[in-house]
Amino acid sequence: MIIDLYNKRNERKVSFLYPVNGKKNVLRQVTGVKVKSFTGPSGRGITVRENTGLHKSFSVSKCVASL
């Protein structure tokens, strides 16, 4: 779990591992630029603009630090 991502300033580069489909035991690499932080019904999260151009939201509690 990476709590620093929530407090990181917007428009900064981020890189972390995240479970495939948000629930599997297989991790994928996420790299991109943080757009915003939010607090929703399931906890804290961040929105990232990935290098592919897609905007995706990630739960901070599921993010894993890169090795």
N, C-alpha and C. Protein backbone atom coordinates (compact mmCIF):
# COMPACT_ATOMS: atom_id res chain seq x y z
N MET A 1 0.85 -1.18 0.00
CA MET A 1 0.00 0.00 0.00
C MET A 1 0.90 1.24 0.00
N ILE A 2 0.57 2.21 -0.83
CA ILE A 2 1.33 3.44 -0.93
C ILE A 2 0.42 4.61 -0.57
N ILE A 3 0.60 5.19 0.59
CA ILE A 3 -0.23 6.33 0.99
C ILE A 3 0.31 7.62 0.40
N ASP A 4 1.61 7.65 0.07
CA ASP A 4 2.22 8.86 -0.47
C ASP A 4 1.60 9.28 -1.81
N LEU A 5 1.04 8.35 -2.56
CA LEU A 5 0.43 8.70 -3.85
C LEU A 5 -0.74 9.67 -3.66
N TYR A 6 -1.49 9.50 -2.60
CA TYR A 6 -2.64 10.38 -2.35
C TYR A 6 -2.18 11.80 -2.08
N ASN A 7 -1.07 11.94 -1.36
CA ASN A 7 -0.56 13.27 -0.99
C ASN A 7 0.35 13.88 -2.03
N LYS A 8 0.75 13.11 -3.03
CA LYS A 8 1.65 13.60 -4.07
C LYS A 8 0.95 14.70 -4.88
N ARG A 9 1.70 15.69 -5.29
CA ARG A 9 1.12 16.81 -6.04
C ARG A 9 0.67 16.36 -7.42
N ASN A 10 -0.34 17.04 -7.94
CA ASN A 10 -0.86 16.74 -9.27
C ASN A 10 0.20 17.06 -10.34
N GLU A 11 0.08 16.39 -11.48
CA GLU A 11 0.99 16.54 -12.62
C GLU A 11 2.40 16.04 -12.32
N ARG A 12 2.54 15.12 -11.36
CA ARG A 12 3.83 14.48 -11.07
C ARG A 12 3.82 13.06 -11.63
N LYS A 13 4.98 12.58 -12.02
CA LYS A 13 5.08 11.21 -12.54
C LYS A 13 4.89 10.21 -11.42
N VAL A 14 4.16 9.14 -11.71
CA VAL A 14 3.95 8.06 -10.75
C VAL A 14 4.23 6.72 -11.44
N SER A 15 4.66 5.77 -10.64
CA SER A 15 4.93 4.43 -11.13
C SER A 15 4.68 3.46 -9.98
N PHE A 16 3.79 2.51 -10.19
CA PHE A 16 3.46 1.54 -9.15
C PHE A 16 2.88 0.29 -9.79
N LEU A 17 2.70 -0.75 -8.99
CA LEU A 17 2.09 -2.00 -9.44
C LEU A 17 0.66 -2.04 -8.93
N TYR A 18 -0.25 -2.61 -9.75
CA TYR A 18 -1.67 -2.67 -9.39
C TYR A 18 -2.23 -4.01 -9.86
N PRO A 19 -3.11 -4.63 -9.07
CA PRO A 19 -3.69 -5.92 -9.48
C PRO A 19 -4.48 -5.82 -10.79
N VAL A 20 -4.34 -6.83 -11.64
CA VAL A 20 -5.08 -6.86 -12.90
C VAL A 20 -6.57 -6.93 -12.58
N ASN A 21 -7.37 -6.11 -13.23
CA ASN A 21 -8.82 -5.99 -12.99
C ASN A 21 -9.15 -5.60 -11.56
N GLY A 22 -8.15 -5.15 -10.80
CA GLY A 22 -8.38 -4.67 -9.44
C GLY A 22 -8.55 -5.75 -8.39
N LYS A 23 -8.46 -7.04 -8.76
CA LYS A 23 -8.73 -8.07 -7.76
C LYS A 23 -7.91 -9.34 -7.91
N LYS A 24 -7.17 -9.51 -8.98
CA LYS A 24 -6.41 -10.74 -9.19
C LYS A 24 -5.04 -10.67 -8.50
N ASN A 25 -4.41 -11.83 -8.38
CA ASN A 25 -3.11 -11.92 -7.75
C ASN A 25 -1.98 -11.72 -8.75
N VAL A 26 -2.28 -11.08 -9.86
CA VAL A 26 -1.29 -10.76 -10.89
C VAL A 26 -1.18 -9.25 -10.94
N LEU A 27 0.05 -8.73 -10.85
CA LEU A 27 0.25 -7.29 -10.82
C LEU A 27 0.70 -6.78 -12.18
N ARG A 28 0.24 -5.57 -12.53
CA ARG A 28 0.69 -4.93 -13.77
C ARG A 28 1.33 -3.60 -13.42
N GLN A 29 2.25 -3.17 -14.25
CA GLN A 29 2.96 -1.91 -14.05
C GLN A 29 2.10 -0.75 -14.53
N VAL A 30 1.94 0.26 -13.70
CA VAL A 30 1.21 1.48 -14.08
C VAL A 30 2.20 2.63 -14.04
N THR A 31 2.36 3.33 -15.16
CA THR A 31 3.22 4.51 -15.22
C THR A 31 2.44 5.62 -15.90
N GLY A 32 2.62 6.81 -15.40
CA GLY A 32 1.92 7.94 -15.98
C GLY A 32 2.05 9.18 -15.11
N VAL A 33 1.06 10.07 -15.23
CA VAL A 33 1.05 11.33 -14.51
C VAL A 33 -0.20 11.39 -13.65
N LYS A 34 -0.04 11.75 -12.38
CA LYS A 34 -1.18 11.86 -11.48
C LYS A 34 -2.00 13.09 -11.86
N VAL A 35 -3.32 12.90 -12.01
CA VAL A 35 -4.21 14.00 -12.38
C VAL A 35 -4.89 14.58 -11.15
N LYS A 36 -5.43 13.69 -10.27
CA LYS A 36 -6.11 14.19 -9.07
C LYS A 36 -6.22 13.09 -8.03
N SER A 37 -6.51 13.50 -6.80
CA SER A 37 -6.81 12.59 -5.70
C SER A 37 -8.29 12.72 -5.37
N PHE A 38 -8.86 11.64 -4.84
CA PHE A 38 -10.27 11.70 -4.46
C PHE A 38 -10.53 10.76 -3.29
N THR A 39 -11.62 11.01 -2.60
CA THR A 39 -12.09 10.12 -1.54
C THR A 39 -13.49 9.68 -1.90
N GLY A 40 -13.67 8.38 -2.07
CA GLY A 40 -14.96 7.83 -2.47
C GLY A 40 -15.50 6.90 -1.41
N PRO A 41 -16.60 6.23 -1.71
CA PRO A 41 -17.21 5.32 -0.74
C PRO A 41 -16.32 4.13 -0.38
N SER A 42 -15.40 3.76 -1.25
CA SER A 42 -14.52 2.63 -0.96
C SER A 42 -13.14 3.08 -0.47
N GLY A 43 -12.97 4.35 -0.16
CA GLY A 43 -11.71 4.86 0.39
C GLY A 43 -11.02 5.83 -0.55
N ARG A 44 -9.75 6.07 -0.27
CA ARG A 44 -8.96 7.03 -1.04
C ARG A 44 -8.53 6.44 -2.37
N GLY A 45 -8.36 7.34 -3.35
CA GLY A 45 -7.93 6.90 -4.67
C GLY A 45 -7.26 8.02 -5.42
N ILE A 46 -6.68 7.68 -6.57
CA ILE A 46 -6.05 8.67 -7.44
C ILE A 46 -6.47 8.39 -8.88
N THR A 47 -6.45 9.42 -9.70
CA THR A 47 -6.69 9.29 -11.13
C THR A 47 -5.37 9.55 -11.84
N VAL A 48 -5.02 8.64 -12.74
CA VAL A 48 -3.73 8.71 -13.43
C VAL A 48 -3.97 8.76 -14.94
N ARG A 49 -3.23 9.64 -15.63
CA ARG A 49 -3.21 9.65 -17.09
C ARG A 49 -2.01 8.80 -17.49
N GLU A 50 -2.30 7.59 -17.97
CA GLU A 50 -1.23 6.65 -18.30
C GLU A 50 -0.50 7.10 -19.56
N ASN A 51 0.66 6.48 -19.80
CA ASN A 51 1.46 6.82 -20.97
C ASN A 51 0.74 6.49 -22.27
N THR A 52 -0.26 5.61 -22.22
CA THR A 52 -1.05 5.26 -23.40
C THR A 52 -2.10 6.31 -23.71
N GLY A 53 -2.30 7.29 -22.81
CA GLY A 53 -3.28 8.34 -23.02
C GLY A 53 -4.58 8.13 -22.29
N LEU A 54 -4.77 6.97 -21.66
CA LEU A 54 -6.01 6.67 -20.94
C LEU A 54 -5.99 7.27 -19.54
N HIS A 55 -7.15 7.73 -19.07
CA HIS A 55 -7.33 8.18 -17.70
C HIS A 55 -7.96 7.03 -16.92
N LYS A 56 -7.33 6.61 -15.84
CA LYS A 56 -7.86 5.52 -15.03
C LYS A 56 -7.78 5.89 -13.55
N SER A 57 -8.72 5.36 -12.78
CA SER A 57 -8.75 5.58 -11.34
C SER A 57 -8.26 4.33 -10.62
N PHE A 58 -7.49 4.52 -9.55
CA PHE A 58 -6.91 3.43 -8.79
C PHE A 58 -7.14 3.67 -7.31
N SER A 59 -7.47 2.58 -6.60
CA SER A 59 -7.60 2.63 -5.15
C SER A 59 -6.21 2.62 -4.53
N VAL A 60 -5.94 3.57 -3.63
CA VAL A 60 -4.62 3.67 -3.03
C VAL A 60 -4.32 2.46 -2.16
N SER A 61 -5.34 1.84 -1.58
CA SER A 61 -5.12 0.70 -0.70
C SER A 61 -4.63 -0.54 -1.46
N LYS A 62 -4.83 -0.58 -2.78
CA LYS A 62 -4.40 -1.73 -3.58
C LYS A 62 -3.08 -1.49 -4.29
N CYS A 63 -2.57 -0.27 -4.30
CA CYS A 63 -1.31 0.05 -4.99
C CYS A 63 -0.15 -0.57 -4.23
N VAL A 64 0.82 -1.11 -5.00
CA VAL A 64 2.00 -1.75 -4.43
C VAL A 64 3.22 -1.02 -4.98
N ALA A 65 4.21 -0.79 -4.12
CA ALA A 65 5.43 -0.11 -4.53
C ALA A 65 6.18 -0.95 -5.57
N SER A 66 6.76 -0.28 -6.56
CA SER A 66 7.57 -0.98 -7.56
C SER A 66 8.87 -1.45 -6.94
N LEU A 67 9.37 -2.56 -7.44
CA LEU A 67 10.64 -3.10 -6.91
C LEU A 67 11.82 -2.42 -7.51
